[in-house]
Amino acid sequence: MDKIYISSIKEIENQFEYFISFLDEASKEYILNHKSHQTRLQILLDRLLALKYLNTTIFKYNEYNKPYIDNLYFNISHSNDYVVLIVSDDEVGIDIETNRNINEKLIDYVLNEEEKKTLKDNNDFIKIWTKKESIVKCLGTGINTKLKYINTIDNDKLIKTNDTNLFLKTINYDNYYISFCKKGIIDDYNLEYISADDLIFSRDL
């Protein structure tokens, strides 16, 4: 089963100093080096989720800057208030996005001509965008794979790219789209909201 943990920065925004105290010095420094308070909260929350469900905040990174841990498959995504972590039994990527104003330049960058014909509103674009982002994150290639060359029209549950079969799932959560992609069949998944109380750690860590 794929396990998805989602939480809001609102859970920790009034207790920033308390929650950052649970982290190692390298993580603290990385968070505090960001000027945006929202970004600090997002990274703090993703590190807290990693500490709780991956038992570490120390990641390795592949040549395309995808974080990984030996013998464990996971991925993390942020959007506005939410941070989402997926833990899987195979290579996996996840993306979360909410509705926003979309300009033509971004549409041209993300969508191919066939996909553009299916658009009815911004929500359609956001849904496709999360699918493509989850695909390149699963592949571990990130922005080095051009999104418009990935076609989500023919079958949005089985994507064939680079001679690899990828399985895809998209869900709606509180006006956000969450897409996750993995190299194994998606038999089942569990989505769990994580509250501030869930993020309380023992001081023995």
N, C-alpha and C. Protein backbone atom coordinates (compact mmCIF):
# COMPACT_ATOMS: atom_id res chain seq x y z
N MET A 1 0.84 -1.20 0.00
CA MET A 1 0.00 0.00 0.00
C MET A 1 0.87 1.25 0.00
N ASP A 2 0.50 2.21 -0.82
CA ASP A 2 1.18 3.50 -0.82
C ASP A 2 0.58 4.37 0.28
N LYS A 3 1.44 4.93 1.11
CA LYS A 3 0.99 5.74 2.23
C LYS A 3 1.31 7.20 1.96
N ILE A 4 0.28 8.04 2.02
CA ILE A 4 0.42 9.46 1.75
C ILE A 4 0.07 10.22 3.02
N TYR A 5 0.98 11.08 3.43
CA TYR A 5 0.78 11.91 4.62
C TYR A 5 0.72 13.36 4.18
N ILE A 6 -0.33 14.06 4.59
CA ILE A 6 -0.50 15.45 4.19
C ILE A 6 -0.74 16.30 5.44
N SER A 7 -0.12 17.47 5.45
CA SER A 7 -0.29 18.37 6.58
C SER A 7 -0.23 19.81 6.09
N SER A 8 -0.71 20.72 6.92
CA SER A 8 -0.74 22.13 6.57
C SER A 8 0.26 22.90 7.43
N ILE A 9 0.89 23.90 6.82
CA ILE A 9 1.81 24.74 7.58
C ILE A 9 1.08 25.51 8.68
N LYS A 10 -0.24 25.59 8.60
CA LYS A 10 -1.00 26.24 9.66
C LYS A 10 -0.88 25.47 10.97
N GLU A 11 -0.55 24.18 10.88
CA GLU A 11 -0.38 23.37 12.08
C GLU A 11 0.84 23.81 12.89
N ILE A 12 1.81 24.42 12.22
CA ILE A 12 3.07 24.72 12.91
C ILE A 12 3.44 26.21 12.89
N GLU A 13 2.69 27.04 12.17
CA GLU A 13 3.13 28.42 11.95
C GLU A 13 3.24 29.22 13.25
N ASN A 14 2.46 28.90 14.25
CA ASN A 14 2.53 29.63 15.51
C ASN A 14 3.47 28.99 16.53
N GLN A 15 4.12 27.89 16.10
CA GLN A 15 5.05 27.19 17.00
C GLN A 15 6.36 26.88 16.26
N PHE A 16 6.78 27.79 15.42
CA PHE A 16 7.95 27.57 14.58
C PHE A 16 9.18 27.19 15.41
N GLU A 17 9.49 27.98 16.43
CA GLU A 17 10.69 27.73 17.22
C GLU A 17 10.62 26.39 17.95
N TYR A 18 9.41 26.04 18.40
CA TYR A 18 9.24 24.76 19.09
C TYR A 18 9.51 23.59 18.15
N PHE A 19 8.91 23.62 16.97
CA PHE A 19 9.04 22.48 16.07
C PHE A 19 10.42 22.39 15.43
N ILE A 20 11.05 23.53 15.16
CA ILE A 20 12.38 23.45 14.55
C ILE A 20 13.40 22.90 15.54
N SER A 21 13.09 22.97 16.82
CA SER A 21 14.02 22.47 17.84
C SER A 21 14.20 20.96 17.77
N PHE A 22 13.29 20.26 17.10
CA PHE A 22 13.41 18.80 16.98
C PHE A 22 14.42 18.39 15.91
N LEU A 23 14.85 19.33 15.06
CA LEU A 23 15.66 18.98 13.91
C LEU A 23 17.16 19.09 14.20
N ASP A 24 17.94 18.45 13.36
CA ASP A 24 19.39 18.52 13.44
C ASP A 24 19.87 19.90 12.98
N GLU A 25 21.10 20.23 13.29
CA GLU A 25 21.62 21.57 13.02
C GLU A 25 21.69 21.87 11.53
N ALA A 26 22.01 20.87 10.71
CA ALA A 26 22.09 21.10 9.27
C ALA A 26 20.73 21.45 8.69
N SER A 27 19.70 20.77 9.16
CA SER A 27 18.34 21.06 8.69
C SER A 27 17.89 22.44 9.15
N LYS A 28 18.20 22.79 10.38
CA LYS A 28 17.85 24.12 10.88
C LYS A 28 18.50 25.21 10.03
N GLU A 29 19.78 25.03 9.74
CA GLU A 29 20.50 26.04 8.96
C GLU A 29 19.91 26.16 7.56
N TYR A 30 19.59 25.02 6.95
CA TYR A 30 19.01 25.03 5.60
C TYR A 30 17.68 25.78 5.59
N ILE A 31 16.85 25.53 6.58
CA ILE A 31 15.54 26.20 6.66
C ILE A 31 15.72 27.70 6.86
N LEU A 32 16.57 28.08 7.78
CA LEU A 32 16.73 29.50 8.12
C LEU A 32 17.43 30.30 7.04
N ASN A 33 18.08 29.63 6.10
CA ASN A 33 18.72 30.32 4.99
C ASN A 33 17.72 30.82 3.95
N HIS A 34 16.47 30.36 4.04
CA HIS A 34 15.43 30.83 3.13
C HIS A 34 14.79 32.10 3.69
N LYS A 35 14.60 33.09 2.84
CA LYS A 35 14.06 34.37 3.29
C LYS A 35 12.54 34.34 3.46
N SER A 36 11.85 33.58 2.60
CA SER A 36 10.39 33.53 2.66
C SER A 36 9.93 32.73 3.88
N HIS A 37 9.07 33.34 4.69
CA HIS A 37 8.56 32.64 5.87
C HIS A 37 7.73 31.43 5.47
N GLN A 38 6.95 31.56 4.39
CA GLN A 38 6.16 30.42 3.93
C GLN A 38 7.06 29.26 3.52
N THR A 39 8.14 29.57 2.80
CA THR A 39 9.07 28.51 2.39
C THR A 39 9.72 27.85 3.60
N ARG A 40 10.09 28.65 4.59
CA ARG A 40 10.65 28.08 5.82
C ARG A 40 9.67 27.11 6.47
N LEU A 41 8.42 27.49 6.52
CA LEU A 41 7.40 26.62 7.12
C LEU A 41 7.21 25.35 6.31
N GLN A 42 7.20 25.48 4.98
CA GLN A 42 7.04 24.30 4.13
C GLN A 42 8.18 23.31 4.32
N ILE A 43 9.41 23.82 4.34
CA ILE A 43 10.56 22.93 4.50
C ILE A 43 10.60 22.34 5.91
N LEU A 44 10.29 23.15 6.90
CA LEU A 44 10.22 22.62 8.27
C LEU A 44 9.20 21.49 8.35
N LEU A 45 8.04 21.69 7.75
CA LEU A 45 7.01 20.66 7.81
C LEU A 45 7.44 19.41 7.05
N ASP A 46 8.09 19.57 5.89
CA ASP A 46 8.49 18.35 5.18
C ASP A 46 9.57 17.59 5.94
N ARG A 47 10.44 18.32 6.66
CA ARG A 47 11.45 17.64 7.48
C ARG A 47 10.82 16.95 8.69
N LEU A 48 9.80 17.56 9.27
CA LEU A 48 9.10 16.92 10.38
C LEU A 48 8.40 15.64 9.93
N LEU A 49 7.77 15.69 8.75
CA LEU A 49 7.12 14.50 8.22
C LEU A 49 8.15 13.42 7.92
N ALA A 50 9.29 13.83 7.36
CA ALA A 50 10.36 12.86 7.08
C ALA A 50 10.89 12.24 8.37
N LEU A 51 11.09 13.06 9.39
CA LEU A 51 11.60 12.55 10.66
C LEU A 51 10.64 11.53 11.25
N LYS A 52 9.36 11.80 11.14
CA LYS A 52 8.36 10.91 11.75
C LYS A 52 8.16 9.62 10.94
N TYR A 53 8.09 9.75 9.59
CA TYR A 53 7.70 8.59 8.78
C TYR A 53 8.85 7.95 8.00
N LEU A 54 10.00 8.64 7.92
CA LEU A 54 11.18 8.06 7.29
C LEU A 54 12.29 7.85 8.31
N ASN A 55 12.09 8.41 9.49
CA ASN A 55 13.03 8.28 10.61
C ASN A 55 14.38 8.95 10.33
N THR A 56 14.36 9.95 9.45
CA THR A 56 15.59 10.70 9.18
C THR A 56 15.23 12.00 8.47
N THR A 57 16.13 12.96 8.54
CA THR A 57 16.02 14.17 7.73
C THR A 57 17.24 14.31 6.82
N ILE A 58 18.07 13.28 6.79
CA ILE A 58 19.29 13.30 5.99
C ILE A 58 19.03 12.55 4.68
N PHE A 59 19.01 13.28 3.59
CA PHE A 59 18.76 12.69 2.28
C PHE A 59 20.03 12.66 1.44
N LYS A 60 20.08 11.71 0.53
CA LYS A 60 21.03 11.75 -0.57
C LYS A 60 20.30 12.35 -1.78
N TYR A 61 21.05 12.76 -2.80
CA TYR A 61 20.43 13.36 -3.98
C TYR A 61 21.05 12.77 -5.24
N ASN A 62 20.19 12.45 -6.22
CA ASN A 62 20.73 11.92 -7.47
C ASN A 62 21.26 13.07 -8.34
N GLU A 63 21.70 12.76 -9.53
CA GLU A 63 22.33 13.77 -10.38
C GLU A 63 21.36 14.87 -10.80
N TYR A 64 20.04 14.61 -10.68
CA TYR A 64 19.03 15.60 -11.03
C TYR A 64 18.41 16.23 -9.78
N ASN A 65 19.04 15.99 -8.64
CA ASN A 65 18.65 16.60 -7.36
C ASN A 65 17.38 16.00 -6.76
N LYS A 66 17.06 14.76 -7.14
CA LYS A 66 15.94 14.07 -6.48
C LYS A 66 16.43 13.48 -5.17
N PRO A 67 15.76 13.78 -4.05
CA PRO A 67 16.18 13.20 -2.76
C PRO A 67 15.86 11.71 -2.69
N TYR A 68 16.74 10.96 -2.06
CA TYR A 68 16.47 9.54 -1.87
C TYR A 68 17.16 9.04 -0.61
N ILE A 69 16.68 7.91 -0.14
CA ILE A 69 17.27 7.20 0.99
C ILE A 69 17.45 5.75 0.54
N ASP A 70 18.59 5.15 0.80
CA ASP A 70 18.83 3.78 0.37
C ASP A 70 17.75 2.85 0.93
N ASN A 71 17.25 1.97 0.04
CA ASN A 71 16.28 0.93 0.41
C ASN A 71 14.94 1.49 0.88
N LEU A 72 14.61 2.73 0.46
CA LEU A 72 13.33 3.31 0.84
C LEU A 72 12.85 4.21 -0.30
N TYR A 73 11.58 4.09 -0.66
CA TYR A 73 11.02 4.88 -1.76
C TYR A 73 10.06 5.92 -1.19
N PHE A 74 10.33 7.18 -1.51
CA PHE A 74 9.49 8.25 -1.00
C PHE A 74 9.61 9.46 -1.93
N ASN A 75 8.71 10.41 -1.74
CA ASN A 75 8.82 11.70 -2.43
C ASN A 75 7.98 12.72 -1.68
N ILE A 76 8.33 14.00 -1.85
CA ILE A 76 7.71 15.09 -1.10
C ILE A 76 7.35 16.21 -2.07
N SER A 77 6.24 16.90 -1.78
CA SER A 77 5.84 18.05 -2.59
C SER A 77 5.19 19.11 -1.70
N HIS A 78 5.32 20.38 -2.10
CA HIS A 78 4.72 21.52 -1.37
C HIS A 78 3.84 22.31 -2.33
N SER A 79 2.79 22.89 -1.81
CA SER A 79 2.03 23.90 -2.55
C SER A 79 1.25 24.75 -1.56
N ASN A 80 1.56 26.04 -1.54
CA ASN A 80 0.88 26.97 -0.63
C ASN A 80 0.91 26.45 0.81
N ASP A 81 -0.26 26.13 1.36
CA ASP A 81 -0.32 25.71 2.77
C ASP A 81 0.08 24.25 3.00
N TYR A 82 0.02 23.43 1.96
CA TYR A 82 0.14 21.99 2.16
C TYR A 82 1.52 21.41 1.80
N VAL A 83 1.89 20.40 2.56
CA VAL A 83 3.05 19.57 2.27
C VAL A 83 2.58 18.13 2.25
N VAL A 84 3.03 17.37 1.27
CA VAL A 84 2.59 15.99 1.14
C VAL A 84 3.81 15.08 0.98
N LEU A 85 3.80 13.96 1.69
CA LEU A 85 4.86 12.96 1.64
C LEU A 85 4.24 11.63 1.25
N ILE A 86 4.85 10.94 0.29
CA ILE A 86 4.40 9.59 -0.05
C ILE A 86 5.52 8.60 0.25
N VAL A 87 5.14 7.46 0.83
CA VAL A 87 6.06 6.36 1.10
C VAL A 87 5.51 5.15 0.35
N SER A 88 6.36 4.52 -0.46
CA SER A 88 5.88 3.49 -1.38
C SER A 88 6.77 2.26 -1.35
N ASP A 89 6.38 1.26 -2.14
CA ASP A 89 7.17 0.04 -2.27
C ASP A 89 7.94 0.00 -3.58
N ASP A 90 7.94 1.13 -4.31
CA ASP A 90 8.66 1.22 -5.58
C ASP A 90 9.00 2.69 -5.85
N GLU A 91 9.80 2.93 -6.89
CA GLU A 91 10.13 4.31 -7.24
C GLU A 91 8.85 5.11 -7.41
N VAL A 92 8.83 6.32 -6.85
CA VAL A 92 7.58 7.06 -6.79
C VAL A 92 7.85 8.56 -6.89
N GLY A 93 6.87 9.27 -7.40
CA GLY A 93 6.91 10.73 -7.43
C GLY A 93 5.54 11.27 -7.09
N ILE A 94 5.49 12.43 -6.44
CA ILE A 94 4.21 13.01 -6.06
C ILE A 94 4.26 14.51 -6.29
N ASP A 95 3.11 15.09 -6.65
CA ASP A 95 3.03 16.54 -6.82
C ASP A 95 1.67 17.01 -6.34
N ILE A 96 1.65 18.17 -5.69
CA ILE A 96 0.41 18.79 -5.23
C ILE A 96 0.39 20.22 -5.74
N GLU A 97 -0.75 20.64 -6.27
CA GLU A 97 -0.92 22.01 -6.76
C GLU A 97 -2.36 22.44 -6.52
N THR A 98 -2.54 23.76 -6.37
CA THR A 98 -3.88 24.31 -6.27
C THR A 98 -4.14 25.25 -7.44
N ASN A 99 -5.38 25.64 -7.61
CA ASN A 99 -5.75 26.50 -8.74
C ASN A 99 -5.05 27.84 -8.62
N ARG A 100 -4.67 28.38 -9.75
CA ARG A 100 -4.00 29.68 -9.80
C ARG A 100 -4.18 30.25 -11.20
N ASN A 101 -3.83 31.51 -11.36
CA ASN A 101 -3.87 32.11 -12.69
C ASN A 101 -2.76 31.53 -13.55
N ILE A 102 -3.13 31.10 -14.74
CA ILE A 102 -2.19 30.44 -15.64
C ILE A 102 -1.99 31.30 -16.88
N ASN A 103 -0.75 31.56 -17.24
CA ASN A 103 -0.50 32.33 -18.45
C ASN A 103 -0.16 31.41 -19.63
N GLU A 104 -0.23 31.97 -20.81
CA GLU A 104 -0.03 31.18 -22.03
C GLU A 104 1.37 30.58 -22.10
N LYS A 105 2.35 31.33 -21.58
CA LYS A 105 3.72 30.84 -21.63
C LYS A 105 3.87 29.53 -20.86
N LEU A 106 3.23 29.45 -19.69
CA LEU A 106 3.30 28.23 -18.89
C LEU A 106 2.55 27.10 -19.58
N ILE A 107 1.41 27.40 -20.16
CA ILE A 107 0.65 26.38 -20.89
C ILE A 107 1.50 25.81 -22.02
N ASP A 108 2.18 26.67 -22.77
CA ASP A 108 3.02 26.22 -23.87
C ASP A 108 4.18 25.38 -23.38
N TYR A 109 4.68 25.69 -22.20
CA TYR A 109 5.82 24.95 -21.64
C TYR A 109 5.40 23.56 -21.17
N VAL A 110 4.19 23.43 -20.63
CA VAL A 110 3.77 22.18 -19.99
C VAL A 110 3.01 21.25 -20.94
N LEU A 111 2.14 21.81 -21.78
CA LEU A 111 1.22 20.98 -22.56
C LEU A 111 1.62 20.86 -24.03
N ASN A 112 1.33 19.69 -24.59
CA ASN A 112 1.45 19.53 -26.03
C ASN A 112 0.13 19.95 -26.69
N GLU A 113 0.12 19.98 -28.01
CA GLU A 113 -1.05 20.51 -28.73
C GLU A 113 -2.30 19.67 -28.48
N GLU A 114 -2.14 18.37 -28.37
CA GLU A 114 -3.29 17.51 -28.11
C GLU A 114 -3.90 17.79 -26.75
N GLU A 115 -3.05 18.00 -25.75
CA GLU A 115 -3.54 18.28 -24.41
C GLU A 115 -4.22 19.64 -24.33
N LYS A 116 -3.70 20.62 -25.06
CA LYS A 116 -4.30 21.95 -25.06
C LYS A 116 -5.76 21.91 -25.51
N LYS A 117 -6.07 21.02 -26.44
CA LYS A 117 -7.43 20.93 -26.97
C LYS A 117 -8.43 20.43 -25.93
N THR A 118 -7.94 19.80 -24.86
CA THR A 118 -8.84 19.25 -23.85
C THR A 118 -9.14 20.24 -22.73
N LEU A 119 -8.43 21.38 -22.72
CA LEU A 119 -8.59 22.32 -21.62
C LEU A 119 -9.94 23.02 -21.65
N LYS A 120 -10.60 23.00 -20.48
CA LYS A 120 -11.84 23.77 -20.32
C LYS A 120 -11.63 24.93 -19.35
N ASP A 121 -10.77 24.73 -18.36
CA ASP A 121 -10.51 25.78 -17.39
C ASP A 121 -9.15 25.53 -16.73
N ASN A 122 -8.79 26.38 -15.78
CA ASN A 122 -7.51 26.26 -15.09
C ASN A 122 -7.36 24.93 -14.35
N ASN A 123 -8.48 24.42 -13.83
CA ASN A 123 -8.41 23.16 -13.09
C ASN A 123 -7.91 22.02 -13.97
N ASP A 124 -8.34 22.02 -15.24
CA ASP A 124 -7.87 20.99 -16.16
C ASP A 124 -6.35 21.07 -16.33
N PHE A 125 -5.86 22.30 -16.44
CA PHE A 125 -4.41 22.47 -16.58
C PHE A 125 -3.67 22.00 -15.33
N ILE A 126 -4.16 22.42 -14.15
CA ILE A 126 -3.50 22.03 -12.89
C ILE A 126 -3.45 20.52 -12.75
N LYS A 127 -4.54 19.85 -13.12
CA LYS A 127 -4.59 18.40 -13.01
C LYS A 127 -3.53 17.74 -13.89
N ILE A 128 -3.43 18.19 -15.14
CA ILE A 128 -2.42 17.64 -16.04
C ILE A 128 -1.02 17.96 -15.55
N TRP A 129 -0.83 19.18 -15.06
CA TRP A 129 0.49 19.60 -14.56
C TRP A 129 0.95 18.69 -13.42
N THR A 130 0.06 18.39 -12.47
CA THR A 130 0.47 17.53 -11.36
C THR A 130 0.83 16.13 -11.85
N LYS A 131 0.11 15.65 -12.85
CA LYS A 131 0.44 14.33 -13.41
C LYS A 131 1.85 14.33 -13.97
N LYS A 132 2.16 15.35 -14.76
CA LYS A 132 3.47 15.40 -15.41
C LYS A 132 4.59 15.59 -14.39
N GLU A 133 4.35 16.44 -13.41
CA GLU A 133 5.37 16.64 -12.38
C GLU A 133 5.62 15.35 -11.60
N SER A 134 4.56 14.61 -11.29
CA SER A 134 4.75 13.36 -10.56
C SER A 134 5.50 12.34 -11.40
N ILE A 135 5.30 12.37 -12.72
CA ILE A 135 5.99 11.44 -13.62
C ILE A 135 7.49 11.71 -13.63
N VAL A 136 7.88 12.99 -13.83
CA VAL A 136 9.32 13.28 -13.90
C VAL A 136 9.98 13.13 -12.54
N LYS A 137 9.21 13.32 -11.46
CA LYS A 137 9.77 13.09 -10.14
C LYS A 137 9.96 11.60 -9.88
N CYS A 138 9.04 10.78 -10.38
CA CYS A 138 9.20 9.33 -10.27
C CYS A 138 10.42 8.87 -11.06
N LEU A 139 10.59 9.39 -12.27
CA LEU A 139 11.75 9.05 -13.09
C LEU A 139 13.04 9.57 -12.48
N GLY A 140 12.92 10.59 -11.64
CA GLY A 140 14.10 11.17 -11.01
C GLY A 140 14.84 12.13 -11.90
N THR A 141 14.18 12.62 -12.97
CA THR A 141 14.85 13.50 -13.92
C THR A 141 14.42 14.96 -13.79
N GLY A 142 13.31 15.21 -13.08
CA GLY A 142 12.86 16.58 -12.83
C GLY A 142 12.74 17.40 -14.09
N ILE A 143 13.20 18.65 -14.04
CA ILE A 143 13.02 19.57 -15.16
C ILE A 143 13.90 19.21 -16.36
N ASN A 144 14.76 18.21 -16.22
CA ASN A 144 15.57 17.78 -17.36
C ASN A 144 14.74 17.00 -18.38
N THR A 145 13.54 16.59 -18.01
CA THR A 145 12.59 16.01 -18.95
C THR A 145 11.56 17.08 -19.30
N LYS A 146 11.43 17.40 -20.57
CA LYS A 146 10.48 18.42 -21.01
C LYS A 146 9.05 17.92 -20.81
N LEU A 147 8.27 18.67 -20.05
CA LEU A 147 6.93 18.22 -19.69
C LEU A 147 6.03 18.04 -20.91
N LYS A 148 6.18 18.89 -21.92
CA LYS A 148 5.26 18.82 -23.05
C LYS A 148 5.45 17.55 -23.88
N TYR A 149 6.57 16.86 -23.71
CA TYR A 149 6.81 15.64 -24.46
C TYR A 149 6.23 14.41 -23.77
N ILE A 150 5.66 14.60 -22.60
CA ILE A 150 4.95 13.51 -21.92
C ILE A 150 3.47 13.66 -22.21
N ASN A 151 2.88 12.64 -22.81
CA ASN A 151 1.48 12.72 -23.22
C ASN A 151 0.58 12.03 -22.20
N THR A 152 -0.34 12.77 -21.60
CA THR A 152 -1.25 12.19 -20.60
C THR A 152 -2.64 11.91 -21.18
N ILE A 153 -2.80 12.10 -22.48
CA ILE A 153 -4.13 12.00 -23.08
C ILE A 153 -4.54 10.56 -23.34
N ASP A 154 -3.63 9.75 -23.93
CA ASP A 154 -4.02 8.41 -24.35
C ASP A 154 -4.52 7.55 -23.20
N ASN A 155 -3.81 7.62 -22.10
CA ASN A 155 -4.21 6.83 -20.93
C ASN A 155 -3.62 7.49 -19.70
N ASP A 156 -4.49 8.08 -18.88
CA ASP A 156 -3.96 8.83 -17.75
C ASP A 156 -3.68 7.96 -16.52
N LYS A 157 -3.76 6.64 -16.69
CA LYS A 157 -3.43 5.76 -15.56
C LYS A 157 -2.20 4.91 -15.84
N LEU A 158 -1.86 4.75 -17.11
CA LEU A 158 -0.65 4.02 -17.49
C LEU A 158 0.10 4.88 -18.50
N ILE A 159 1.28 5.34 -18.12
CA ILE A 159 2.08 6.19 -18.97
C ILE A 159 3.32 5.41 -19.40
N LYS A 160 3.61 5.43 -20.69
CA LYS A 160 4.80 4.77 -21.20
C LYS A 160 5.79 5.83 -21.64
N THR A 161 6.94 5.86 -20.98
CA THR A 161 7.96 6.84 -21.32
C THR A 161 9.33 6.23 -21.07
N ASN A 162 10.26 6.53 -21.95
CA ASN A 162 11.62 5.98 -21.82
C ASN A 162 11.60 4.46 -21.68
N ASP A 163 10.69 3.81 -22.42
CA ASP A 163 10.56 2.35 -22.36
C ASP A 163 10.20 1.84 -20.96
N THR A 164 9.58 2.71 -20.17
CA THR A 164 9.19 2.35 -18.81
C THR A 164 7.69 2.52 -18.63
N ASN A 165 7.04 1.53 -18.03
CA ASN A 165 5.62 1.65 -17.69
C ASN A 165 5.49 2.33 -16.34
N LEU A 166 4.74 3.42 -16.30
CA LEU A 166 4.51 4.15 -15.07
C LEU A 166 3.02 4.19 -14.78
N PHE A 167 2.66 3.99 -13.52
CA PHE A 167 1.25 3.97 -13.13
C PHE A 167 0.93 5.25 -12.36
N LEU A 168 -0.26 5.77 -12.61
CA LEU A 168 -0.57 7.14 -12.20
C LEU A 168 -1.94 7.19 -11.52
N LYS A 169 -2.03 8.03 -10.49
CA LYS A 169 -3.28 8.25 -9.77
C LYS A 169 -3.40 9.73 -9.43
N THR A 170 -4.58 10.30 -9.64
CA THR A 170 -4.83 11.70 -9.29
C THR A 170 -6.06 11.79 -8.39
N ILE A 171 -5.93 12.54 -7.30
CA ILE A 171 -7.04 12.73 -6.37
C ILE A 171 -7.21 14.21 -6.07
N ASN A 172 -8.38 14.57 -5.61
CA ASN A 172 -8.68 15.95 -5.24
C ASN A 172 -8.75 16.04 -3.72
N TYR A 173 -8.09 17.07 -3.17
CA TYR A 173 -8.09 17.25 -1.72
C TYR A 173 -8.19 18.73 -1.40
N ASP A 174 -9.30 19.15 -0.86
CA ASP A 174 -9.47 20.53 -0.38
C ASP A 174 -9.09 21.55 -1.47
N ASN A 175 -9.62 21.32 -2.68
CA ASN A 175 -9.35 22.19 -3.83
C ASN A 175 -7.91 22.15 -4.31
N TYR A 176 -7.19 21.13 -3.94
CA TYR A 176 -5.86 20.85 -4.47
C TYR A 176 -5.93 19.55 -5.26
N TYR A 177 -5.11 19.46 -6.31
CA TYR A 177 -4.91 18.19 -6.99
C TYR A 177 -3.62 17.56 -6.48
N ILE A 178 -3.68 16.26 -6.21
CA ILE A 178 -2.51 15.49 -5.84
C ILE A 178 -2.38 14.35 -6.85
N SER A 179 -1.27 14.29 -7.55
CA SER A 179 -1.00 13.16 -8.44
C SER A 179 0.24 12.43 -7.94
N PHE A 180 0.17 11.11 -7.98
CA PHE A 180 1.37 10.33 -7.67
C PHE A 180 1.57 9.26 -8.73
N CYS A 181 2.83 8.99 -8.99
CA CYS A 181 3.22 8.10 -10.08
C CYS A 181 4.26 7.13 -9.55
N LYS A 182 4.17 5.87 -9.96
CA LYS A 182 5.15 4.89 -9.49
C LYS A 182 5.43 3.88 -10.58
N LYS A 183 6.52 3.16 -10.41
CA LYS A 183 6.92 2.16 -11.40
C LYS A 183 6.21 0.83 -11.20
N GLY A 184 5.52 0.68 -10.09
CA GLY A 184 4.73 -0.51 -9.84
C GLY A 184 3.25 -0.19 -9.91
N ILE A 185 2.42 -1.21 -10.04
CA ILE A 185 0.97 -1.02 -10.11
C ILE A 185 0.46 -0.42 -8.80
N ILE A 186 -0.45 0.54 -8.91
CA ILE A 186 -1.06 1.16 -7.73
C ILE A 186 -2.28 0.33 -7.33
N ASP A 187 -2.07 -0.58 -6.40
CA ASP A 187 -3.16 -1.44 -5.96
C ASP A 187 -4.05 -0.73 -4.95
N ASP A 188 -3.44 0.01 -4.05
CA ASP A 188 -4.19 0.65 -2.98
C ASP A 188 -3.33 1.77 -2.40
N TYR A 189 -3.99 2.73 -1.77
CA TYR A 189 -3.25 3.80 -1.11
C TYR A 189 -4.06 4.30 0.08
N ASN A 190 -3.36 4.94 1.00
CA ASN A 190 -4.02 5.52 2.16
C ASN A 190 -3.54 6.96 2.30
N LEU A 191 -4.50 7.89 2.41
CA LEU A 191 -4.19 9.31 2.60
C LEU A 191 -4.57 9.70 4.02
N GLU A 192 -3.59 10.23 4.77
CA GLU A 192 -3.82 10.57 6.17
C GLU A 192 -3.42 12.01 6.45
N TYR A 193 -4.32 12.76 7.06
CA TYR A 193 -3.98 14.13 7.45
C TYR A 193 -3.23 14.09 8.78
N ILE A 194 -2.14 14.86 8.85
CA ILE A 194 -1.29 14.87 10.03
C ILE A 194 -1.44 16.20 10.76
N SER A 195 -1.89 16.14 12.00
CA SER A 195 -2.11 17.34 12.80
C SER A 195 -0.85 17.71 13.57
N ALA A 196 -0.89 18.85 14.24
CA ALA A 196 0.25 19.26 15.07
C ALA A 196 0.52 18.24 16.16
N ASP A 197 -0.54 17.69 16.75
CA ASP A 197 -0.35 16.68 17.80
C ASP A 197 0.38 15.45 17.26
N ASP A 198 0.12 15.10 15.99
CA ASP A 198 0.80 13.95 15.37
C ASP A 198 2.29 14.21 15.20
N LEU A 199 2.67 15.48 15.18
CA LEU A 199 4.06 15.85 14.91
C LEU A 199 4.89 16.07 16.18
N ILE A 200 4.31 15.78 17.33
CA ILE A 200 5.03 15.90 18.58
C ILE A 200 5.98 14.70 18.72
N PHE A 201 7.25 14.97 18.96
CA PHE A 201 8.25 13.93 19.07
C PHE A 201 8.75 13.82 20.50
N SER A 202 9.28 12.67 20.81
CA SER A 202 9.96 12.48 22.08
C SER A 202 11.28 13.27 22.07
N ARG A 203 11.63 13.87 23.16
CA ARG A 203 12.89 14.59 23.26
C ARG A 203 14.07 13.63 23.30
N ASP A 204 13.81 12.31 23.31
CA ASP A 204 14.89 11.33 23.30
C ASP A 204 15.46 11.13 21.91
N LEU A 205 14.77 11.69 20.87
CA LEU A 205 15.23 11.50 19.49
C LEU A 205 16.60 12.16 19.31
